[in-house]
Protein backbone atom coordinates (compact mmCIF):
# COMPACT_ATOMS: atom_id res chain seq x y z
CA MET A 1 111.54 55.40 139.32
CA LYS A 2 108.28 55.27 141.26
CA ASN A 3 109.99 56.74 144.32
CA LYS A 4 111.25 59.68 142.22
CA ASN A 5 107.73 60.30 140.86
CA LEU A 6 106.27 60.15 144.36
CA SER A 7 108.99 62.48 145.60
CA PHE A 8 108.26 64.96 142.77
CA LYS A 9 104.49 64.83 143.43
CA LYS A 10 105.07 65.34 147.12
CA LYS A 11 107.31 68.36 146.49
CA PHE A 12 104.78 69.76 144.03
CA VAL A 13 101.91 69.41 146.53
CA LEU A 14 103.98 70.89 149.35
CA SER A 15 105.08 73.80 147.12
CA PHE A 16 101.51 74.45 146.01
CA PHE A 17 100.32 74.33 149.62
CA ALA A 18 103.10 76.71 150.72
CA ILE A 19 102.21 79.18 147.96
CA PHE A 20 98.52 78.93 148.89
CA LEU A 21 99.30 79.62 152.55
CA PHE A 22 101.51 82.56 151.59
CA PHE A 23 98.77 84.27 149.54
CA PHE A 24 96.15 83.34 152.13
CA PHE A 25 98.29 85.10 154.75
CA LEU A 26 98.63 88.20 152.54
CA GLU A 27 94.88 88.23 151.91
CA PHE A 28 94.14 87.85 155.62
CA ILE A 29 96.52 90.69 156.54
CA SER A 30 94.95 92.86 153.82
CA ARG A 31 91.48 92.30 155.25
CA ILE A 32 92.71 93.11 158.76
CA PHE A 33 94.24 96.35 157.42
CA ILE A 34 91.06 97.42 155.59
CA SER A 35 88.91 96.40 158.55
CA SER A 36 90.98 98.44 161.01
CA THR A 37 91.19 101.44 158.65
CA THR A 38 87.44 101.57 158.03
CA SER A 39 86.53 100.39 161.55
CA ASN A 40 84.28 97.84 159.90
CA PHE A 41 84.74 94.08 160.17
CA LYS A 42 82.60 93.62 157.04
CA ALA A 43 85.86 93.86 155.08
CA PHE A 44 86.18 90.13 155.75
CA TYR A 45 83.01 89.57 153.70
CA TYR A 46 84.48 91.24 150.61
CA GLY A 47 84.25 88.90 147.62
CA PHE A 48 81.81 86.61 149.43
CA ASN A 49 79.02 89.18 149.67
CA GLU A 50 78.40 91.24 146.53
CA ASN A 51 76.80 94.03 148.61
CA ILE A 52 80.11 94.88 150.29
CA LYS A 53 81.79 97.59 148.23
CA ILE A 54 85.31 98.82 149.08
CA ASP A 55 86.91 101.84 147.42
CA ILE A 56 90.56 102.75 147.98
CA ASN A 57 90.62 106.49 147.24
CA HIS A 58 94.03 107.27 148.77
CA LEU A 59 95.95 104.44 150.39
CA ILE A 60 98.68 106.56 152.03
CA LYS A 61 96.15 108.92 153.61
CA PHE A 62 93.98 105.93 154.63
CA LYS A 63 91.04 107.28 152.62
CA ILE A 64 89.28 103.96 152.20
CA ASN A 65 85.53 103.64 152.03
CA LEU A 66 83.47 100.54 152.83
CA THR A 67 79.77 100.52 151.96
CA ASP A 68 77.21 97.82 152.58
CA LEU A 69 74.68 98.36 149.79
CA ARG A 70 72.06 96.51 151.84
CA ASP A 71 72.01 99.45 154.26
CA LEU A 72 71.37 101.78 151.34
CA ASN A 73 68.53 99.58 150.08
CA LEU A 74 66.96 99.62 153.56
CA THR A 75 67.06 103.43 153.52
CA VAL A 76 65.46 103.57 150.06
CA ASN A 77 62.72 101.12 151.08
CA GLU A 78 62.01 103.12 154.24
CA ILE A 79 61.66 106.31 152.20
CA LYS A 80 59.27 104.63 149.77
CA LYS A 81 57.09 103.58 152.70
CA ASN A 82 57.04 107.13 154.02
CA LEU A 83 57.10 109.47 151.03
CA THR A 84 56.67 112.58 153.18
CA LYS A 85 59.88 111.91 155.09
CA SER A 86 61.94 114.42 153.09
CA ASN A 87 59.26 116.91 152.13
CA ASN A 88 57.83 118.37 155.33
CA LYS A 89 60.68 120.74 156.09
CA LYS A 90 60.58 124.51 156.50
CA LYS A 91 63.96 124.98 154.81
CA ASN A 92 65.04 123.77 151.41
CA ILE A 93 67.97 121.52 152.23
CA ILE A 94 70.64 121.23 149.53
CA TRP A 95 73.66 118.94 149.43
CA ALA A 96 76.58 120.38 147.45
CA PHE A 97 79.23 118.06 146.00
CA GLY A 98 82.50 118.94 144.31
CA GLY A 99 86.24 119.35 144.72
CA SER A 100 88.28 122.16 146.26
CA THR A 101 86.41 124.78 144.20
CA THR A 102 83.28 123.75 146.11
CA LYS A 103 84.93 123.23 149.48
CA GLY A 104 86.25 126.80 149.22
CA ASN A 105 88.64 128.87 151.38
CA PHE A 106 91.40 128.19 148.86
CA CYS A 107 92.27 131.78 147.93
CA GLY A 108 92.97 132.81 151.51
CA SER A 109 91.04 132.15 154.70
CA ASN A 110 88.48 134.87 153.91
CA ALA A 111 87.60 133.49 150.46
CA SER A 112 84.73 131.49 151.98
CA SER A 113 82.84 129.10 149.66
CA TRP A 114 79.88 129.48 147.37
CA PRO A 115 77.79 126.86 149.31
CA LYS A 116 78.25 128.85 152.56
CA ILE A 117 77.47 132.16 150.86
CA LEU A 118 74.41 130.63 149.18
CA SER A 119 73.20 129.32 152.54
CA ASP A 120 73.80 132.67 154.27
CA LYS A 121 72.23 134.67 151.44
CA ASN A 122 68.96 132.78 151.23
CA LYS A 123 67.43 132.08 154.64
CA ASN A 124 65.08 129.53 153.06
CA ILE A 125 68.05 127.41 152.02
CA ASP A 126 70.35 125.27 154.14
CA VAL A 127 73.35 124.08 152.11
CA VAL A 128 75.44 121.16 153.39
CA ASN A 129 78.88 121.35 151.76
CA TYR A 130 80.34 117.92 150.96
CA GLY A 131 83.14 119.36 148.81
CA GLN A 132 86.64 117.99 149.45
CA ASN A 133 90.04 118.88 148.04
CA GLY A 134 91.05 116.91 144.98
CA ILE A 135 88.07 114.56 144.73
CA ASP A 136 86.14 113.65 141.61
CA SER A 137 82.58 112.46 140.99
CA TYR A 138 83.45 108.85 141.90
CA VAL A 139 84.36 109.84 145.47
CA SER A 140 81.31 112.11 145.72
CA LEU A 141 79.13 109.18 144.69
CA GLN A 142 80.54 107.26 147.67
CA ILE A 143 79.83 110.22 149.97
CA LEU A 144 76.28 110.43 148.63
CA ARG A 145 75.74 106.72 149.32
CA ASN A 146 77.05 106.95 152.88
CA SER A 147 75.18 110.19 153.60
CA GLY A 148 71.99 108.62 152.27
CA ILE A 149 72.43 105.74 154.71
CA LYS A 150 73.31 107.84 157.75
CA SER A 151 71.36 111.08 157.33
CA LYS A 152 67.98 111.54 158.99
CA ASN A 153 67.50 114.85 157.16
CA LEU A 154 67.67 114.20 153.43
CA PRO A 155 67.74 117.17 151.04
CA GLN A 156 65.28 118.31 148.40
CA SER A 157 68.07 119.14 145.95
CA ILE A 158 71.62 118.15 145.02
CA ILE A 159 74.20 120.42 143.40
CA TRP A 160 76.84 118.41 141.54
CA ALA A 161 79.77 120.73 140.73
CA HIS A 162 82.26 118.30 139.22
CA LYS A 163 84.42 119.10 136.22
CA PHE A 164 88.04 120.05 136.93
CA ASN A 165 89.08 116.87 138.79
CA GLU A 166 87.42 114.43 136.42
CA ILE A 167 90.70 113.76 134.64
CA ASN A 168 92.01 112.20 137.89
CA VAL A 169 90.95 108.84 136.46
CA ILE A 170 93.50 109.20 133.61
CA TYR A 171 96.21 110.97 135.60
CA GLN A 172 99.60 110.78 133.87
CA GLY A 173 98.10 108.51 131.20
CA ILE A 174 97.49 105.59 133.59
CA LYS A 175 93.81 104.76 133.79
CA LYS A 176 91.78 103.67 136.76
CA ASP A 177 88.60 101.88 135.79
CA PRO A 178 86.35 101.69 138.86
CA ASN A 179 83.19 101.41 136.75
CA ASN A 180 84.46 98.69 134.37
CA ILE A 181 84.03 100.99 131.36
CA LEU A 182 86.97 99.40 129.55
CA ILE A 183 85.73 95.84 129.94
CA ASN A 184 82.25 96.81 128.75
CA SER A 185 83.53 98.64 125.69
CA ASN A 186 82.65 97.10 122.32
CA LYS A 187 85.99 98.32 121.02
CA ASN A 188 87.89 96.20 123.54
CA GLU A 189 85.77 93.13 122.83
CA LYS A 190 87.36 93.04 119.38
CA ARG A 191 90.79 92.81 120.98
CA GLN A 192 90.15 89.28 122.19
CA LEU A 193 93.35 88.63 124.17
CA TYR A 194 93.27 92.04 125.89
CA PHE A 195 89.57 91.58 126.64
CA GLU A 196 90.17 88.16 128.27
CA ILE A 197 93.04 89.55 130.37
CA LEU A 198 90.79 92.40 131.51
CA LYS A 199 88.06 89.96 132.54
CA ILE A 200 90.51 87.82 134.54
CA GLU A 201 92.04 90.88 136.19
CA LYS A 202 88.62 92.27 137.17
CA THR A 203 87.57 88.88 138.56
CA ILE A 204 90.69 88.70 140.76
CA GLU A 205 90.08 92.25 142.01
CA LYS A 206 86.45 91.40 142.74
CA TYR A 207 87.46 88.68 145.20
CA SER A 208 90.91 89.64 146.49
CA LEU A 209 91.56 92.64 148.74
CA PHE A 210 95.29 91.96 148.59
CA TYR A 211 95.24 92.33 144.81
CA LYS A 212 93.07 95.45 145.09
CA ILE A 213 95.63 97.06 147.41
CA LEU A 214 98.58 95.88 145.30
CA LYS A 215 96.99 97.30 142.15
CA ASN A 216 96.46 100.65 143.87
CA VAL A 217 100.10 100.74 144.97
CA ILE A 218 101.32 99.95 141.42
CA ILE A 219 99.12 102.60 139.79
CA THR A 220 100.05 105.28 142.34
CA SER A 221 103.78 104.49 142.09
CA ASN A 222 103.76 104.56 138.29
CA ARG A 223 101.91 107.87 138.26
CA LYS A 224 104.47 109.44 140.61
CA ILE A 225 107.38 108.15 138.54
CA ILE A 226 105.88 109.52 135.33
CA ARG A 227 105.07 112.85 137.01
CA ASN A 228 108.73 113.19 138.05
CA PHE A 229 109.76 112.80 134.40
CA THR A 230 107.12 115.06 132.82
CA ASN A 231 106.86 117.56 135.71
CA LYS A 232 103.35 118.36 134.44
CA HIS A 233 99.95 117.72 135.97
CA ILE A 234 98.39 117.06 132.56
CA ASN A 235 100.61 114.58 130.76
CA PRO A 236 101.38 115.71 127.16
CA SER A 237 100.88 112.14 125.90
CA LEU A 238 97.19 112.02 126.86
CA THR A 239 95.04 111.34 123.82
CA LYS A 240 91.48 112.10 122.73
CA GLU A 241 90.60 108.54 123.76
CA ASP A 242 91.88 109.23 127.29
CA PHE A 243 89.80 112.39 127.72
CA THR A 244 86.74 110.67 126.25
CA PHE A 245 87.20 107.90 128.80
CA ALA A 246 87.39 110.47 131.62
CA ALA A 247 84.13 112.07 130.45
CA LYS A 248 82.42 108.68 130.23
CA ASN A 249 83.57 107.94 133.75
CA PHE A 250 82.09 111.27 134.93
CA GLU A 251 78.86 110.47 133.08
CA PHE A 252 78.61 107.02 134.67
CA ASN A 253 79.21 108.36 138.20
CA THR A 254 76.74 111.20 137.72
CA ARG A 255 74.09 108.92 136.27
CA GLU A 256 74.43 106.67 139.33
CA ALA A 257 74.16 109.73 141.59
CA ILE A 258 71.00 110.87 139.77
CA LYS A 259 69.47 107.41 140.05
CA LEU A 260 70.31 107.20 143.76
CA SER A 261 68.97 110.69 144.49
CA LYS A 262 65.64 109.77 142.89
CA ASN A 263 65.47 106.58 144.95
CA LEU A 264 66.12 108.66 148.07
CA GLY A 265 63.21 110.95 147.18
CA ILE A 266 65.45 113.92 146.32
CA LYS A 267 63.54 116.05 143.84
CA ASN A 268 66.09 118.18 141.96
CA PHE A 269 69.57 117.42 140.65
CA TYR A 270 71.63 120.41 139.48
CA ILE A 271 74.84 119.87 137.48
CA VAL A 272 77.01 122.98 137.78
CA SER A 273 79.91 123.91 135.52
CA LEU A 274 82.01 126.32 137.59
CA PRO A 275 84.06 129.03 135.85
CA SER A 276 87.83 129.17 135.50
CA LEU A 277 90.48 131.42 133.97
CA LYS A 278 90.08 132.14 130.27
CA ASN A 279 93.43 130.58 129.38
CA PHE A 280 92.54 127.41 131.27
CA GLU A 281 89.13 127.23 129.57
CA GLU A 282 90.77 127.55 126.16
CA ARG A 283 93.49 125.03 127.03
CA MET A 284 90.99 122.41 128.19
CA LYS A 285 88.18 123.17 125.73
CA ASP A 286 89.20 120.74 122.98
CA LYS A 287 90.97 118.34 125.33
CA PHE A 288 88.36 117.51 127.96
CA PHE A 289 85.56 120.07 128.16
CA ILE A 290 84.13 119.14 124.74
CA HIS A 291 83.63 115.57 126.00
CA TYR A 292 82.36 116.84 129.36
CA TYR A 293 79.59 118.84 127.64
CA ASN A 294 78.64 115.82 125.52
CA SER A 295 78.17 113.84 128.73
CA VAL A 296 76.13 116.66 130.29
CA ARG A 297 73.81 116.68 127.25
CA ASN A 298 73.20 112.97 127.78
CA LEU A 299 72.56 113.45 131.49
CA LYS A 300 70.10 116.31 130.94
CA LYS A 301 67.72 113.86 129.28
CA ASN A 302 66.78 112.67 132.77
CA ASP A 303 63.74 114.27 134.42
CA ASP A 304 64.47 116.83 137.15
CA VAL A 305 68.11 117.20 136.04
CA TYR A 306 69.18 120.79 135.35
CA PHE A 307 72.43 122.28 134.06
CA ILE A 308 73.86 125.57 135.32
CA ASP A 309 76.78 126.63 133.11
CA LEU A 310 78.63 129.44 134.86
CA SER A 311 81.77 129.06 132.75
CA LYS A 312 80.05 131.04 129.98
CA LYS A 313 79.20 134.05 132.17
CA PRO A 314 81.06 137.10 130.71
CA ILE A 315 81.86 138.66 134.09
CA PHE A 316 84.20 135.79 134.97
CA LEU A 317 86.22 136.58 131.84
CA LYS A 318 86.16 140.38 132.12
CA GLU A 319 87.14 140.58 135.78
CA GLN A 320 89.18 137.40 136.11
CA ASN A 321 92.17 139.13 137.72
CA SER A 322 90.12 139.88 140.82
CA LEU A 323 88.13 136.65 140.78
CA PHE A 324 90.78 133.89 140.62
CA CYS A 325 93.99 133.15 142.51
CA ASP A 326 94.95 130.37 140.08
CA ASP A 327 93.41 128.53 137.12
CA THR A 328 90.22 127.41 138.89
CA HIS A 329 90.10 128.59 142.53
CA LYS A 330 88.06 131.64 143.40
CA THR A 331 88.30 134.68 145.63
CA LEU A 332 85.50 135.81 147.93
CA LYS A 333 84.16 138.10 145.19
CA ALA A 334 83.95 135.19 142.72
CA ASN A 335 82.30 132.86 145.24
CA ILE A 336 79.67 135.54 145.91
CA LEU A 337 78.98 135.75 142.17
CA VAL A 338 78.70 131.95 141.87
CA ALA A 339 76.30 131.82 144.83
CA ASN A 340 74.17 134.63 143.35
CA PHE A 341 73.91 132.94 139.95
CA ILE A 342 73.01 129.57 141.45
CA ASP A 343 70.48 131.20 143.80
CA SER A 344 68.72 133.00 140.92
CA PHE A 345 68.59 129.77 138.93
CA ILE A 346 67.14 127.54 141.63
CA GLN A 347 64.58 130.17 142.63
């Protein structure tokens, strides 16, 4: 009987050890993959050093960002020691953030972009365009962090033109929660079991790169499967709670960007609501835009935060046939108008 018990214990220990080695191998391979993709060996410190932040924005396209927050803190401390670092410049440097409607050149190669037109129009302004296709405020926050670390020529102003892509976080009804909004919600605390599962899941993700990658693969795969069934970019099953969550996510990201810009000595922060087709505005008004504007009202309470709402300008409704090539993307004529409006506001 004792021999059987010893045999069982031995098998149990060996099985446990084999499972441990298996997951250790997967974790090690995951860290090699992230390290090689980001060209940064600090991926091996993930989970052991709370300053190492890794964001998987698009796994297939290898859009993975690694930030060491200690580098950002060093930059902030250096700026505080030398407050004139960003202010003794002849030109007013502006960093523009947004999606494809900020990146521009979408409605043909001659459509240009409003940041370029703004920079060309006003010789006292030098606009650096950080807009990228398809990104939301969470990715722009990463770009702002990295640019703050690397740049030797920080701007006086930031233009934050995020709105249309903010529902990325709830795409096809499957939420991403990079800012832990769900786990910090009082509503979820009342759902005790769900709340405990969320806490465990977030703890695993905090320490395991393998799980972080696996989770990204699962979410992306599920979204593609659902998209094939619905054949719609905006899933019909999305609820008011989903759109509210997306707006809260935008608000959190933007608040972090405002806080960081102040720490970097950047004086002005402009939130811009870009225009779109009338039908699109009406379609999204009660779904997402109502929550977006609530978040903007909260953000405007910060000092040196300004809101430029171009979606209400009548000309974009009256002449929309010549200003848009789809729901949100603009022709050269529209980008000139956007640049002119922003220029008159910041003057």
